[in-house]
Amino acid sequence: MDQTASRAWWWHRQGLDGSLAGADPADVLLRSGWARSVGGTNPYLSLFARAGTRREQADAAAASLAIHELPSVRGCAYVLPADHYALGLQVGRGAPEAEVRVLEKLGVPRREVDDLCAAVTSTLDGGAALDPAQLKDQLGDQVRNLGEEGRKKGQSTTLPAALGLLQAAGEIRRVPVNGRLDQQRYAYVRWSPPRTGLTDDEARTELARLYFDWTAPATLGHFRWFSAFTVAQAKAAIAPLDLVDAGDGWLIPAALADEFAAYTPPKKPAYALVAGIDALLLLRRDVASLVDAADARTPVPGEKLQVGGVTDLTDHAIVDRGRLVGLWQYDVDAGEVVTWLFGGGPSDKALRETIERTGAYIRDDLGDARSFSLDSPKARAPRIAALRSGA
């Protein structure tokens, strides 16, 4: 399979080619896939890179529930379009059971957790949005403190597990306290669980259908990583789909195969600055497939890895027609995007304009470009220094 053509095709299907310019946030996520959210700016950067969406537009879409952050595949939080709320919850609802098993090892019976869940929903039935501290105050001794042993296992009280179960079931949802998608301070409100009407087997197939529309060609292994399905579940999920082999086990819907084969990448560079967990990279979690052979042995500044050997990017990504060509971070003190290009070559006019446009968006709308909730300008300083020096 021609990797150059494949990279450009993924970039095209992801809407990074300008075809989603001006689209509503929900439409962007329907086309390109769910945006991973870990308290960082990826949801905002994803929408801006594809549609030019300003932060206030994204926040308004979230406030109106056109898009929303929900626990989904692998139990991970993604920003989803409304059309996919029910599916996202259904394919990820089993993940919080791991926390319940931890509680059981700490001597908390399942019945106690279920009773706490009932108490939480009863409390939220009053209509007010309550944060965890407020819930704990109102629930009193119904929330058990698990002491030092619990803290060692990441469960200081029984409340987080109960909240996780209720979110996964769609009984409650969390609301960012300041309306932003790039932080992790939440209140909780009652919710009517959205339902797909699908069996679990049918839901897994629907997820597979979406996945291969977002990012095919992809392998069964790529889909398994994204979904966390077992081998048997993943094979059963794709069985009803009309997928064809594009080469070496890379699968694509038959309806797209001819278009993929005929697709010709643009000749001129077309850049995008995206987060390190943008759907272009994270859906397949296969950085090497986006790296040109000439760049694969390039050492990553400040790390012991070569570009072609990276599993997850430490920095944000610069892509040109789907090809990973460099890395970037945002320097809050300087108010600028700091870049490092493979091979150390100078940037061209198109890249400089993209960097300037993205930097202005971060300054004016976001204030920072954090990778995750605990990221900070101070913690990021060594990475910025490494990118500046190229070593």
Protein backbone atom coordinates (compact mmCIF):
# COMPACT_ATOMS: atom_id res chain seq x y z
CA MET A 1 0.00 0.00 0.00
CA ASP A 2 1.36 3.40 -1.00
CA GLN A 3 1.91 5.16 2.32
CA THR A 4 2.22 8.61 0.76
CA ALA A 5 -1.19 8.27 -0.87
CA SER A 6 -2.65 6.70 2.28
CA ARG A 7 -1.46 9.54 4.50
CA ALA A 8 -3.00 12.11 2.18
CA TRP A 9 -6.22 10.09 2.02
CA TRP A 10 -6.48 9.98 5.83
CA TRP A 11 -5.85 13.73 5.92
CA HIS A 12 -8.59 14.21 3.30
CA ARG A 13 -11.11 11.93 5.05
CA GLN A 14 -10.36 13.66 8.33
CA GLY A 15 -11.41 16.99 6.83
CA LEU A 16 -7.98 18.53 7.34
CA ASP A 17 -7.91 19.44 3.64
CA GLY A 18 -10.32 22.35 4.08
CA SER A 19 -13.42 20.39 3.08
CA LEU A 20 -14.95 21.00 6.54
CA ALA A 21 -14.27 24.73 6.66
CA GLY A 22 -17.12 26.48 8.47
CA ALA A 23 -18.86 23.24 9.44
CA ASP A 24 -20.72 22.97 12.74
CA PRO A 25 -18.78 21.26 15.56
CA ALA A 26 -21.14 18.27 15.58
CA ASP A 27 -20.72 17.80 11.83
CA VAL A 28 -16.94 17.90 12.17
CA LEU A 29 -17.00 15.13 14.79
CA LEU A 30 -19.43 13.07 12.73
CA ARG A 31 -17.05 13.20 9.77
CA SER A 32 -13.62 12.99 11.43
CA GLY A 33 -14.33 10.95 14.56
CA TRP A 34 -14.59 11.57 18.26
CA ALA A 35 -12.12 13.98 19.87
CA ARG A 36 -10.18 12.55 22.80
CA SER A 37 -10.35 14.79 25.83
CA VAL A 38 -8.01 14.54 28.79
CA GLY A 39 -8.49 18.02 30.14
CA GLY A 40 -6.36 19.44 27.34
CA THR A 41 -7.03 21.50 24.24
CA ASN A 42 -7.35 18.69 21.68
CA PRO A 43 -11.13 19.15 21.17
CA TYR A 44 -10.64 22.83 20.42
CA LEU A 45 -7.59 22.32 18.20
CA SER A 46 -9.37 19.52 16.32
CA LEU A 47 -12.31 21.75 15.48
CA PHE A 48 -10.15 24.75 14.63
CA ALA A 49 -7.79 22.82 12.33
CA ARG A 50 -10.71 21.37 10.36
CA ALA A 51 -13.42 24.01 10.42
CA GLY A 52 -11.84 27.18 11.80
CA THR A 53 -14.15 26.89 14.82
CA ARG A 54 -13.61 29.56 17.48
CA ARG A 55 -13.68 28.60 21.13
CA GLU A 56 -16.95 30.41 21.80
CA GLN A 57 -18.59 28.42 18.99
CA ALA A 58 -17.36 25.13 20.44
CA ASP A 59 -18.46 26.13 23.95
CA ALA A 60 -21.89 27.12 22.65
CA ALA A 61 -22.24 23.74 20.93
CA ALA A 62 -21.33 22.02 24.19
CA ALA A 63 -23.75 24.16 26.20
CA SER A 64 -26.60 23.27 23.85
CA LEU A 65 -25.62 19.57 23.97
CA ALA A 66 -24.91 19.44 20.24
CA ILE A 67 -21.57 18.01 21.38
CA HIS A 68 -20.64 16.65 24.79
CA GLU A 69 -17.80 14.96 26.64
CA LEU A 70 -18.75 11.42 27.61
CA PRO A 71 -17.02 8.24 28.78
CA SER A 72 -16.86 5.98 25.76
CA VAL A 73 -14.60 3.35 24.19
CA ARG A 74 -12.01 1.95 26.62
CA GLY A 75 -13.77 3.99 29.32
CA CYS A 76 -11.93 7.05 27.97
CA ALA A 77 -13.53 10.48 27.71
CA TYR A 78 -14.22 11.77 24.20
CA VAL A 79 -16.16 14.74 22.88
CA LEU A 80 -18.96 13.23 20.79
CA PRO A 81 -21.69 14.62 18.53
CA ALA A 82 -25.25 14.20 19.83
CA ASP A 83 -26.03 11.53 17.25
CA HIS A 84 -23.42 9.27 18.85
CA TYR A 85 -24.10 9.77 22.58
CA ALA A 86 -26.01 6.53 22.99
CA LEU A 87 -23.52 4.48 21.00
CA GLY A 88 -20.52 5.93 22.80
CA LEU A 89 -22.02 5.09 26.18
CA GLN A 90 -23.04 1.59 25.14
CA VAL A 91 -19.64 0.52 23.82
CA GLY A 92 -17.84 1.85 26.90
CA ARG A 93 -20.24 1.11 29.72
CA GLY A 94 -18.33 -1.86 31.14
CA ALA A 95 -15.12 0.08 31.86
CA PRO A 96 -16.11 1.45 35.32
CA GLU A 97 -16.53 -2.09 36.63
CA ALA A 98 -12.75 -2.16 37.11
CA GLU A 99 -13.10 0.47 39.84
CA VAL A 100 -15.87 -1.56 41.49
CA ARG A 101 -13.54 -4.57 41.61
CA VAL A 102 -10.93 -2.41 43.34
CA LEU A 103 -13.55 -1.40 45.92
CA GLU A 104 -14.47 -5.02 46.50
CA LYS A 105 -10.83 -5.78 47.30
CA LEU A 106 -10.97 -2.92 49.81
CA GLY A 107 -13.95 -4.56 51.53
CA VAL A 108 -16.75 -2.57 49.88
CA PRO A 109 -19.58 -4.89 48.72
CA ARG A 110 -21.29 -4.23 45.41
CA ARG A 111 -24.59 -3.62 47.17
CA GLU A 112 -23.08 -0.65 49.00
CA VAL A 113 -21.92 0.86 45.70
CA ASP A 114 -25.35 0.32 44.14
CA ASP A 115 -27.01 1.97 47.15
CA LEU A 116 -24.67 4.95 46.80
CA CYS A 117 -25.55 5.22 43.11
CA ALA A 118 -29.23 5.36 44.04
CA ALA A 119 -28.50 8.04 46.64
CA VAL A 120 -26.57 10.14 44.10
CA THR A 121 -29.37 10.05 41.54
CA SER A 122 -31.93 10.87 44.24
CA THR A 123 -29.86 13.86 45.32
CA LEU A 124 -29.47 15.12 41.75
CA ASP A 125 -33.18 14.67 41.07
CA GLY A 126 -33.58 18.04 42.76
CA GLY A 127 -32.29 19.63 39.55
CA ALA A 128 -29.21 21.42 40.86
CA ALA A 129 -25.77 20.82 39.39
CA LEU A 130 -23.50 19.63 42.20
CA ASP A 131 -19.76 19.13 42.22
CA PRO A 132 -18.16 16.14 44.04
CA ALA A 133 -17.56 18.12 47.23
CA GLN A 134 -21.18 19.28 47.34
CA LEU A 135 -22.41 15.76 46.66
CA LYS A 136 -20.21 14.38 49.41
CA ASP A 137 -21.56 16.95 51.86
CA GLN A 138 -25.16 16.07 51.05
CA LEU A 139 -24.62 12.33 51.02
CA GLY A 140 -22.81 12.31 54.35
CA ASP A 141 -21.84 8.89 55.70
CA GLN A 142 -23.29 7.18 52.63
CA VAL A 143 -19.88 7.96 51.11
CA ARG A 144 -17.27 5.75 52.74
CA ASN A 145 -13.74 7.04 53.29
CA LEU A 146 -11.29 4.30 52.32
CA GLY A 147 -8.26 5.68 54.13
CA GLU A 148 -4.63 5.31 53.20
CA GLU A 149 -5.09 1.89 51.61
CA GLY A 150 -7.75 3.29 49.32
CA ARG A 151 -5.61 6.27 48.35
CA LYS A 152 -2.80 3.90 47.36
CA LYS A 153 -5.22 2.21 44.96
CA GLY A 154 -6.61 5.48 43.61
CA GLN A 155 -9.93 5.21 45.47
CA SER A 156 -9.93 7.52 48.48
CA THR A 157 -13.73 7.27 48.82
CA THR A 158 -16.53 5.27 47.22
CA LEU A 159 -17.98 8.31 45.45
CA PRO A 160 -15.80 8.35 42.28
CA ALA A 161 -16.71 4.75 41.44
CA ALA A 162 -20.40 5.49 41.86
CA LEU A 163 -20.13 8.58 39.66
CA GLY A 164 -18.27 6.55 37.03
CA LEU A 165 -20.97 3.88 36.95
CA LEU A 166 -23.74 6.45 36.66
CA GLN A 167 -22.00 8.37 33.87
CA ALA A 168 -21.36 5.19 31.91
CA ALA A 169 -25.04 4.29 32.28
CA GLY A 170 -26.09 7.76 31.10
CA GLU A 171 -27.97 8.40 34.34
CA ILE A 172 -25.93 11.52 35.06
CA ARG A 173 -23.60 13.71 33.04
CA ARG A 174 -20.88 16.06 34.08
CA VAL A 175 -20.87 19.75 33.21
CA PRO A 176 -17.65 21.80 33.13
CA VAL A 177 -17.94 24.49 35.77
CA ASN A 178 -16.80 27.27 33.43
CA GLY A 179 -18.22 25.81 30.23
CA ARG A 180 -14.82 24.95 28.76
CA LEU A 181 -13.69 21.64 27.33
CA ASP A 182 -10.03 21.98 28.32
CA GLN A 183 -10.22 21.60 32.08
CA GLN A 184 -11.38 18.96 34.54
CA ARG A 185 -13.53 20.72 37.12
CA TYR A 186 -17.06 19.43 36.87
CA ALA A 187 -20.48 19.47 38.42
CA TYR A 188 -22.99 16.67 37.85
CA VAL A 189 -26.60 16.80 36.71
CA ARG A 190 -29.29 14.20 36.21
CA TRP A 191 -29.79 12.91 32.68
CA SER A 192 -32.20 10.67 30.81
CA PRO A 193 -30.09 7.83 29.41
CA PRO A 194 -29.91 7.90 25.60
CA ARG A 195 -30.47 4.47 24.05
CA THR A 196 -29.40 3.04 20.68
CA GLY A 197 -31.98 0.27 20.52
CA LEU A 198 -29.13 -1.99 19.40
CA THR A 199 -27.88 -5.19 20.94
CA ASP A 200 -24.28 -5.08 22.16
CA ASP A 201 -23.19 -7.05 19.10
CA GLU A 202 -24.99 -4.59 16.82
CA ALA A 203 -23.48 -1.64 18.69
CA ARG A 204 -19.97 -3.02 18.20
CA THR A 205 -20.65 -3.37 14.48
CA GLU A 206 -21.96 0.19 14.30
CA LEU A 207 -18.79 1.41 16.00
CA ALA A 208 -16.72 -0.54 13.47
CA ARG A 209 -18.69 1.01 10.61
CA LEU A 210 -17.98 4.51 11.91
CA TYR A 211 -14.36 3.72 12.62
CA PHE A 212 -13.52 2.49 9.14
CA ASP A 213 -15.36 5.45 7.66
CA TRP A 214 -13.26 7.83 9.77
CA THR A 215 -9.83 6.33 9.26
CA ALA A 216 -9.69 3.47 6.76
CA PRO A 217 -7.54 1.90 5.53
CA ALA A 218 -6.83 0.46 8.97
CA THR A 219 -6.04 -2.99 10.29
CA LEU A 220 -8.06 -5.13 12.66
CA GLY A 221 -5.33 -4.45 15.23
CA HIS A 222 -5.85 -0.70 14.89
CA PHE A 223 -9.57 -1.14 15.45
CA ARG A 224 -8.96 -3.39 18.46
CA TRP A 225 -6.73 -0.77 20.06
CA PHE A 226 -9.33 1.94 19.60
CA SER A 227 -12.28 -0.16 20.76
CA ALA A 228 -10.62 -2.39 23.37
CA PHE A 229 -12.69 -5.27 21.95
CA THR A 230 -11.39 -8.81 22.18
CA VAL A 231 -10.19 -10.51 19.00
CA ALA A 232 -13.47 -12.42 18.79
CA GLN A 233 -15.58 -9.30 19.37
CA ALA A 234 -13.63 -7.27 16.81
CA LYS A 235 -13.86 -9.99 14.14
CA ALA A 236 -17.59 -10.37 14.78
CA ALA A 237 -18.04 -6.58 14.65
CA ILE A 238 -16.51 -6.21 11.20
CA ALA A 239 -18.03 -9.39 9.74
CA PRO A 240 -21.29 -7.71 8.57
CA LEU A 241 -19.35 -4.84 6.98
CA ASP A 242 -18.33 -4.87 3.36
CA LEU A 243 -14.61 -4.33 3.92
CA VAL A 244 -11.94 -5.11 1.35
CA ASP A 245 -8.20 -5.51 1.74
CA ALA A 246 -6.30 -2.50 0.42
CA GLY A 247 -3.03 -4.39 0.89
CA ASP A 248 -1.22 -6.16 3.72
CA GLY A 249 -4.35 -6.51 5.84
CA TRP A 250 -5.32 -2.84 5.73
CA LEU A 251 -9.11 -2.78 5.43
CA ILE A 252 -11.37 -0.21 3.78
CA PRO A 253 -15.13 -0.12 3.06
CA ALA A 254 -15.81 -1.40 -0.44
CA ALA A 255 -17.83 1.75 -1.13
CA LEU A 256 -14.63 3.82 -0.65
CA ALA A 257 -12.15 1.48 -2.32
CA ASP A 258 -12.35 2.91 -5.82
CA GLU A 259 -12.23 6.48 -4.56
CA PHE A 260 -9.21 5.61 -2.42
CA ALA A 261 -7.43 3.95 -5.33
CA ALA A 262 -8.05 6.94 -7.59
CA TYR A 263 -7.19 9.61 -4.99
CA THR A 264 -4.28 11.84 -5.96
CA PRO A 265 -2.59 13.84 -3.19
CA PRO A 266 -2.30 17.59 -3.78
CA LYS A 267 1.07 18.66 -5.13
CA LYS A 268 1.36 21.78 -2.99
CA PRO A 269 2.04 21.60 0.76
CA ALA A 270 -1.03 21.94 2.95
CA TYR A 271 -0.23 22.17 6.65
CA ALA A 272 -2.15 21.74 9.87
CA LEU A 273 -1.06 22.11 13.49
CA VAL A 274 -2.96 19.53 15.53
CA ALA A 275 -2.76 18.10 19.02
CA GLY A 276 -0.62 15.05 19.66
CA ILE A 277 -3.82 13.08 20.27
CA ASP A 278 -5.71 14.36 17.24
CA ALA A 279 -7.92 11.73 15.60
CA LEU A 280 -5.53 11.60 12.62
CA LEU A 281 -2.95 10.08 14.95
CA LEU A 282 -4.94 8.52 17.78
CA LEU A 283 -7.61 6.54 15.95
CA ARG A 284 -4.95 4.14 14.72
CA ARG A 285 -2.23 4.99 17.26
CA ASP A 286 0.31 4.30 14.56
CA VAL A 287 2.66 7.27 14.33
CA ALA A 288 5.05 5.34 12.09
CA SER A 289 2.44 5.18 9.30
CA LEU A 290 2.48 8.99 9.13
CA VAL A 291 6.27 9.31 9.02
CA ASP A 292 8.21 9.40 5.78
CA ALA A 293 10.97 6.80 5.50
CA ALA A 294 13.55 9.59 5.19
CA ASP A 295 12.49 10.97 8.59
CA ALA A 296 12.04 7.73 10.52
CA ARG A 297 15.57 7.67 11.99
CA THR A 298 15.54 11.33 13.04
CA PRO A 299 16.08 11.62 16.81
CA VAL A 300 13.28 13.35 18.69
CA PRO A 301 14.67 16.40 20.54
CA GLY A 302 15.10 15.75 24.24
CA GLU A 303 14.21 12.06 23.94
CA LYS A 304 16.03 8.80 23.31
CA LEU A 305 13.60 7.73 20.58
CA GLN A 306 13.69 8.17 16.83
CA VAL A 307 10.66 9.65 15.09
CA GLY A 308 9.73 6.34 13.49
CA GLY A 309 9.80 4.54 16.84
CA VAL A 310 7.41 6.80 18.73
CA THR A 311 4.14 5.26 19.93
CA ASP A 312 2.59 8.42 21.40
CA LEU A 313 3.80 11.94 20.72
CA THR A 314 5.11 13.96 23.64
CA ASP A 315 4.47 17.13 21.65
CA HIS A 316 1.80 18.35 19.26
CA ALA A 317 2.04 17.50 15.56
CA ILE A 318 2.68 19.42 12.36
CA VAL A 319 1.31 17.56 9.35
CA ASP A 320 1.53 18.23 5.64
CA ARG A 321 -1.09 16.38 3.61
CA GLY A 322 -1.19 13.76 6.34
CA ARG A 323 2.56 13.34 6.67
CA LEU A 324 4.08 14.11 10.06
CA VAL A 325 6.74 16.75 9.34
CA GLY A 326 7.42 18.31 12.72
CA LEU A 327 6.43 18.96 16.31
CA TRP A 328 5.24 22.02 18.21
CA GLN A 329 4.44 23.40 21.63
CA TYR A 330 3.00 26.70 22.82
CA ASP A 331 5.20 29.07 24.84
CA VAL A 332 2.81 31.04 27.05
CA ASP A 333 5.45 33.54 28.19
CA ALA A 334 6.52 34.36 24.65
CA GLY A 335 2.96 34.07 23.31
CA GLU A 336 4.11 32.00 20.37
CA VAL A 337 4.14 28.56 18.81
CA VAL A 338 7.56 26.89 19.00
CA THR A 339 8.24 24.39 16.21
CA TRP A 340 10.78 21.77 15.25
CA LEU A 341 10.84 20.41 11.70
CA PHE A 342 12.28 17.06 10.70
CA GLY A 343 15.64 17.60 9.07
CA GLY A 344 15.86 21.09 10.52
CA GLY A 345 14.86 22.70 7.24
CA PRO A 346 13.36 26.19 7.04
CA SER A 347 9.60 26.58 6.95
CA ASP A 348 7.90 27.80 3.81
CA LYS A 349 5.34 30.57 3.52
CA ALA A 350 2.34 28.24 3.81
CA LEU A 351 3.67 26.74 7.04
CA ARG A 352 4.53 30.13 8.51
CA GLU A 353 0.98 31.31 7.83
CA THR A 354 -0.47 28.19 9.46
CA ILE A 355 1.75 28.63 12.51
CA GLU A 356 0.78 32.29 12.80
CA ARG A 357 -2.92 31.53 12.44
CA THR A 358 -2.83 28.75 15.03
CA GLY A 359 -0.75 30.82 17.44
CA ALA A 360 -3.21 33.72 17.21
CA TYR A 361 -6.11 31.34 17.91
CA ILE A 362 -4.39 29.95 20.99
CA ARG A 363 -3.52 33.43 22.29
CA ASP A 364 -6.94 34.95 21.64
CA ASP A 365 -9.25 32.04 22.40
CA LEU A 366 -7.51 29.45 24.57
CA GLY A 367 -4.67 31.15 26.41
CA ASP A 368 -2.60 27.96 26.26
CA ALA A 369 -2.38 24.66 24.40
CA ARG A 370 -2.18 22.11 27.18
CA SER A 371 -1.84 18.47 26.19
CA PHE A 372 -3.71 17.21 29.27
CA SER A 373 -5.15 18.47 32.53
CA LEU A 374 -1.88 18.51 34.52
CA ASP A 375 0.16 20.08 31.72
CA SER A 376 1.45 23.55 32.56
CA PRO A 377 3.85 26.14 31.14
CA LYS A 378 6.39 25.23 33.83
CA ALA A 379 6.17 21.50 33.21
CA ARG A 380 6.37 22.10 29.46
CA ALA A 381 9.47 24.30 29.60
CA PRO A 382 11.98 21.44 28.99
CA ARG A 383 10.06 20.29 25.90
CA ILE A 384 9.97 23.85 24.53
CA ALA A 385 13.71 24.22 25.13
CA ALA A 386 14.35 20.90 23.36
CA LEU A 387 12.31 21.95 20.34
CA ARG A 388 14.05 25.32 20.16
CA SER A 389 17.50 23.73 20.25
CA GLY A 390 16.59 20.71 18.16
CA ALA A 391 18.58 18.47 20.49
